[in-house]
């Protein structure tokens, strides 16, 4: 799953849990046109869903931590290789040097932290 599809999946879940799946309600809450949100969620998508828009939606929706990381796919692969079957999206923590730590909840109840940066990838 690529990052764009991951963002769409997370946005669908956010709309489902916060607004009972009603896109118009969510769009109104964050001050975006519902057409823009529908275009991003369409299959196939009619609008791209980049890093800037993802961060803007998180900010407007007052999501406490990043719910989508640009490293989501790579970190998920590292987690799987480590034997972690993930249940949900990871919690994402960004430090001052723009490195991200993705914390996965594994199906066995353990937590796995994967550290990622543009220079070294994920480990």
C-alpha atoms as a PDB file:
ATOM      1  CA  UNK A   1       0.000   0.000   0.000  1.00  0.00           C
ATOM      2  CA  UNK A   2       1.501   3.351  -1.000  1.00  0.00           C
ATOM      3  CA  UNK A   3       1.453   6.498   1.117  1.00  0.00           C
ATOM      4  CA  UNK A   4      -1.434   8.076  -0.815  1.00  0.00           C
ATOM      5  CA  UNK A   5      -3.650   5.042  -0.202  1.00  0.00           C
ATOM      6  CA  UNK A   6      -2.583   4.936   3.450  1.00  0.00           C
ATOM      7  CA  UNK A   7      -3.606   8.580   3.841  1.00  0.00           C
ATOM      8  CA  UNK A   8      -6.975   7.828   2.248  1.00  0.00           C
ATOM      9  CA  UNK A   9      -7.531   4.861   4.561  1.00  0.00           C
ATOM     10  CA  UNK A  10      -6.681   6.950   7.638  1.00  0.00           C
ATOM     11  CA  UNK A  11      -8.886   9.837   6.472  1.00  0.00           C
ATOM     12  CA  UNK A  12     -11.829   7.477   5.887  1.00  0.00           C
ATOM     13  CA  UNK A  13     -11.380   6.070   9.397  1.00  0.00           C
ATOM     14  CA  UNK A  14     -11.137   9.563  10.898  1.00  0.00           C
ATOM     15  CA  UNK A  15     -14.365  10.626   9.161  1.00  0.00           C
ATOM     16  CA  UNK A  16     -16.051   7.400  10.223  1.00  0.00           C
ATOM     17  CA  UNK A  17     -15.137   7.744  13.896  1.00  0.00           C
ATOM     18  CA  UNK A  18     -15.583  11.519  14.247  1.00  0.00           C
ATOM     19  CA  UNK A  19     -18.484  12.197  11.913  1.00  0.00           C
ATOM     20  CA  UNK A  20     -20.274   8.862  11.486  1.00  0.00           C
ATOM     21  CA  UNK A  21     -18.850   8.612   7.962  1.00  0.00           C
ATOM     22  CA  UNK A  22     -20.431  11.889   6.808  1.00  0.00           C
ATOM     23  CA  UNK A  23     -17.879  13.647   4.600  1.00  0.00           C
ATOM     24  CA  UNK A  24     -19.855  16.886   4.416  1.00  0.00           C
ATOM     25  CA  UNK A  25     -19.878  17.140   8.223  1.00  0.00           C
ATOM     26  CA  UNK A  26     -16.135  16.514   8.449  1.00  0.00           C
ATOM     27  CA  UNK A  27     -15.373  19.000   5.652  1.00  0.00           C
ATOM     28  CA  UNK A  28     -17.465  21.648   7.386  1.00  0.00           C
ATOM     29  CA  UNK A  29     -15.668  20.966  10.674  1.00  0.00           C
ATOM     30  CA  UNK A  30     -12.241  21.599   9.110  1.00  0.00           C
ATOM     31  CA  UNK A  31     -13.356  24.393   6.773  1.00  0.00           C
ATOM     32  CA  UNK A  32     -12.685  22.547   3.507  1.00  0.00           C
ATOM     33  CA  UNK A  33     -15.078  22.064   0.592  1.00  0.00           C
ATOM     34  CA  UNK A  34     -16.694  18.620   0.812  1.00  0.00           C
ATOM     35  CA  UNK A  35     -15.958  18.212  -2.916  1.00  0.00           C
ATOM     36  CA  UNK A  36     -12.234  18.374  -2.173  1.00  0.00           C
ATOM     37  CA  UNK A  37     -12.488  15.655   0.482  1.00  0.00           C
ATOM     38  CA  UNK A  38     -14.704  13.496  -1.762  1.00  0.00           C
ATOM     39  CA  UNK A  39     -12.221  13.912  -4.641  1.00  0.00           C
ATOM     40  CA  UNK A  40      -9.353  12.782  -2.407  1.00  0.00           C
ATOM     41  CA  UNK A  41     -11.326   9.730  -1.237  1.00  0.00           C
ATOM     42  CA  UNK A  42     -12.745   8.742  -4.668  1.00  0.00           C
ATOM     43  CA  UNK A  43     -11.799   5.458  -6.304  1.00  0.00           C
ATOM     44  CA  UNK A  44      -9.847   6.125  -8.392  1.00  0.00           C
ATOM     45  CA  UNK A  45      -8.794   9.359  -6.648  1.00  0.00           C
ATOM     46  CA  UNK A  46      -9.544  12.596  -8.469  1.00  0.00           C
ATOM     47  CA  UNK A  47      -7.188  14.678  -6.295  1.00  0.00           C
ATOM     48  CA  UNK A  48      -3.769  13.927  -4.903  1.00  0.00           C
ATOM     49  CA  UNK A  49      -3.243  13.664  -1.161  1.00  0.00           C
ATOM     50  CA  UNK A  50       0.224  14.997  -0.429  1.00  0.00           C
ATOM     51  CA  UNK A  51       2.216  15.683   2.706  1.00  0.00           C
ATOM     52  CA  UNK A  52       1.139  19.327   2.900  1.00  0.00           C
ATOM     53  CA  UNK A  53      -2.592  18.527   2.684  1.00  0.00           C
ATOM     54  CA  UNK A  54      -2.222  15.671   5.194  1.00  0.00           C
ATOM     55  CA  UNK A  55      -0.560  17.975   7.756  1.00  0.00           C
ATOM     56  CA  UNK A  56      -3.130  20.712   7.077  1.00  0.00           C
ATOM     57  CA  UNK A  57      -6.042  18.332   7.681  1.00  0.00           C
ATOM     58  CA  UNK A  58      -4.410  17.028  10.861  1.00  0.00           C
ATOM     59  CA  UNK A  59      -3.969  20.582  12.095  1.00  0.00           C
ATOM     60  CA  UNK A  60      -7.506  21.686  11.211  1.00  0.00           C
ATOM     61  CA  UNK A  61      -9.039  18.507  12.649  1.00  0.00           C
ATOM     62  CA  UNK A  62      -6.901  18.980  15.773  1.00  0.00           C
ATOM     63  CA  UNK A  63      -5.463  15.478  15.544  1.00  0.00           C
ATOM     64  CA  UNK A  64      -3.037  15.216  18.459  1.00  0.00           C
ATOM     65  CA  UNK A  65      -0.232  13.366  16.674  1.00  0.00           C
ATOM     66  CA  UNK A  66       0.561  12.721  13.075  1.00  0.00           C
ATOM     67  CA  UNK A  67      -1.632   9.901  11.896  1.00  0.00           C
ATOM     68  CA  UNK A  68       0.134   9.448   8.610  1.00  0.00           C
ATOM     69  CA  UNK A  69       3.848   9.513   8.106  1.00  0.00           C
ATOM     70  CA  UNK A  70       5.772   9.764   4.870  1.00  0.00           C
ATOM     71  CA  UNK A  71       7.617   6.725   6.232  1.00  0.00           C
ATOM     72  CA  UNK A  72       4.460   4.706   6.948  1.00  0.00           C
ATOM     73  CA  UNK A  73       5.005   2.124   4.223  1.00  0.00           C
ATOM     74  CA  UNK A  74       8.742   1.621   4.863  1.00  0.00           C
ATOM     75  CA  UNK A  75       8.255   1.465   8.636  1.00  0.00           C
ATOM     76  CA  UNK A  76       5.418  -1.052   8.228  1.00  0.00           C
ATOM     77  CA  UNK A  77       7.764  -3.269   6.226  1.00  0.00           C
ATOM     78  CA  UNK A  78      10.398  -3.071   8.988  1.00  0.00           C
ATOM     79  CA  UNK A  79       7.737  -3.917  11.589  1.00  0.00           C
ATOM     80  CA  UNK A  80       6.579  -6.954   9.598  1.00  0.00           C
ATOM     81  CA  UNK A  81      10.160  -8.158   9.174  1.00  0.00           C
ATOM     82  CA  UNK A  82      10.548  -7.881  12.959  1.00  0.00           C
ATOM     83  CA  UNK A  83       7.527 -10.171  13.384  1.00  0.00           C
ATOM     84  CA  UNK A  84       5.065  -7.467  14.431  1.00  0.00           C
ATOM     85  CA  UNK A  85       1.615  -7.987  13.004  1.00  0.00           C
ATOM     86  CA  UNK A  86       0.188  -4.506  13.288  1.00  0.00           C
ATOM     87  CA  UNK A  87      -3.348  -3.867  14.430  1.00  0.00           C
ATOM     88  CA  UNK A  88      -3.748  -0.151  13.713  1.00  0.00           C
ATOM     89  CA  UNK A  89      -1.940   2.826  12.291  1.00  0.00           C
ATOM     90  CA  UNK A  90       1.189   3.672  14.253  1.00  0.00           C
ATOM     91  CA  UNK A  91       1.514   6.648  16.525  1.00  0.00           C
ATOM     92  CA  UNK A  92       3.972   9.059  14.895  1.00  0.00           C
ATOM     93  CA  UNK A  93       6.347  11.229  16.890  1.00  0.00           C
ATOM     94  CA  UNK A  94       8.583  13.772  15.143  1.00  0.00           C
ATOM     95  CA  UNK A  95      11.694  15.081  16.857  1.00  0.00           C
ATOM     96  CA  UNK A  96      13.404  18.429  16.294  1.00  0.00           C
ATOM     97  CA  UNK A  97      15.645  17.073  13.536  1.00  0.00           C
ATOM     98  CA  UNK A  98      12.623  15.867  11.469  1.00  0.00           C
ATOM     99  CA  UNK A  99      13.229  12.219  12.292  1.00  0.00           C
ATOM    100  CA  UNK A 100      10.100  10.250  12.964  1.00  0.00           C
ATOM    101  CA  UNK A 101       9.478   7.412  15.368  1.00  0.00           C
ATOM    102  CA  UNK A 102       6.527   5.234  14.423  1.00  0.00           C
ATOM    103  CA  UNK A 103       5.188   3.207  17.342  1.00  0.00           C
ATOM    104  CA  UNK A 104       3.272   0.121  16.264  1.00  0.00           C
ATOM    105  CA  UNK A 105       0.884  -1.872  18.452  1.00  0.00           C
ATOM    106  CA  UNK A 106       1.526  -5.503  17.589  1.00  0.00           C
ATOM    107  CA  UNK A 107      -1.169  -8.172  17.708  1.00  0.00           C
ATOM    108  CA  UNK A 108       0.704  -9.928  20.545  1.00  0.00           C
ATOM    109  CA  UNK A 109       0.253  -6.827  22.748  1.00  0.00           C
ATOM    110  CA  UNK A 110       3.813  -5.566  22.407  1.00  0.00           C
ATOM    111  CA  UNK A 111       4.847  -2.153  21.103  1.00  0.00           C
ATOM    112  CA  UNK A 112       7.509  -1.731  18.434  1.00  0.00           C
ATOM    113  CA  UNK A 113       9.223   1.602  17.744  1.00  0.00           C
ATOM    114  CA  UNK A 114      10.678   2.099  14.272  1.00  0.00           C
ATOM    115  CA  UNK A 115      12.900   5.150  13.778  1.00  0.00           C
ATOM    116  CA  UNK A 116      12.978   6.760  10.332  1.00  0.00           C
ATOM    117  CA  UNK A 117      14.783   9.618   8.631  1.00  0.00           C
ATOM    118  CA  UNK A 118      15.266  10.758   5.066  1.00  0.00           C
ATOM    119  CA  UNK A 119      18.989  10.050   5.276  1.00  0.00           C
ATOM    120  CA  UNK A 120      19.003   6.584   6.837  1.00  0.00           C
ATOM    121  CA  UNK A 121      15.557   5.215   6.014  1.00  0.00           C
ATOM    122  CA  UNK A 122      13.784   3.126   8.641  1.00  0.00           C
ATOM    123  CA  UNK A 123      15.323   0.799  11.227  1.00  0.00           C
END
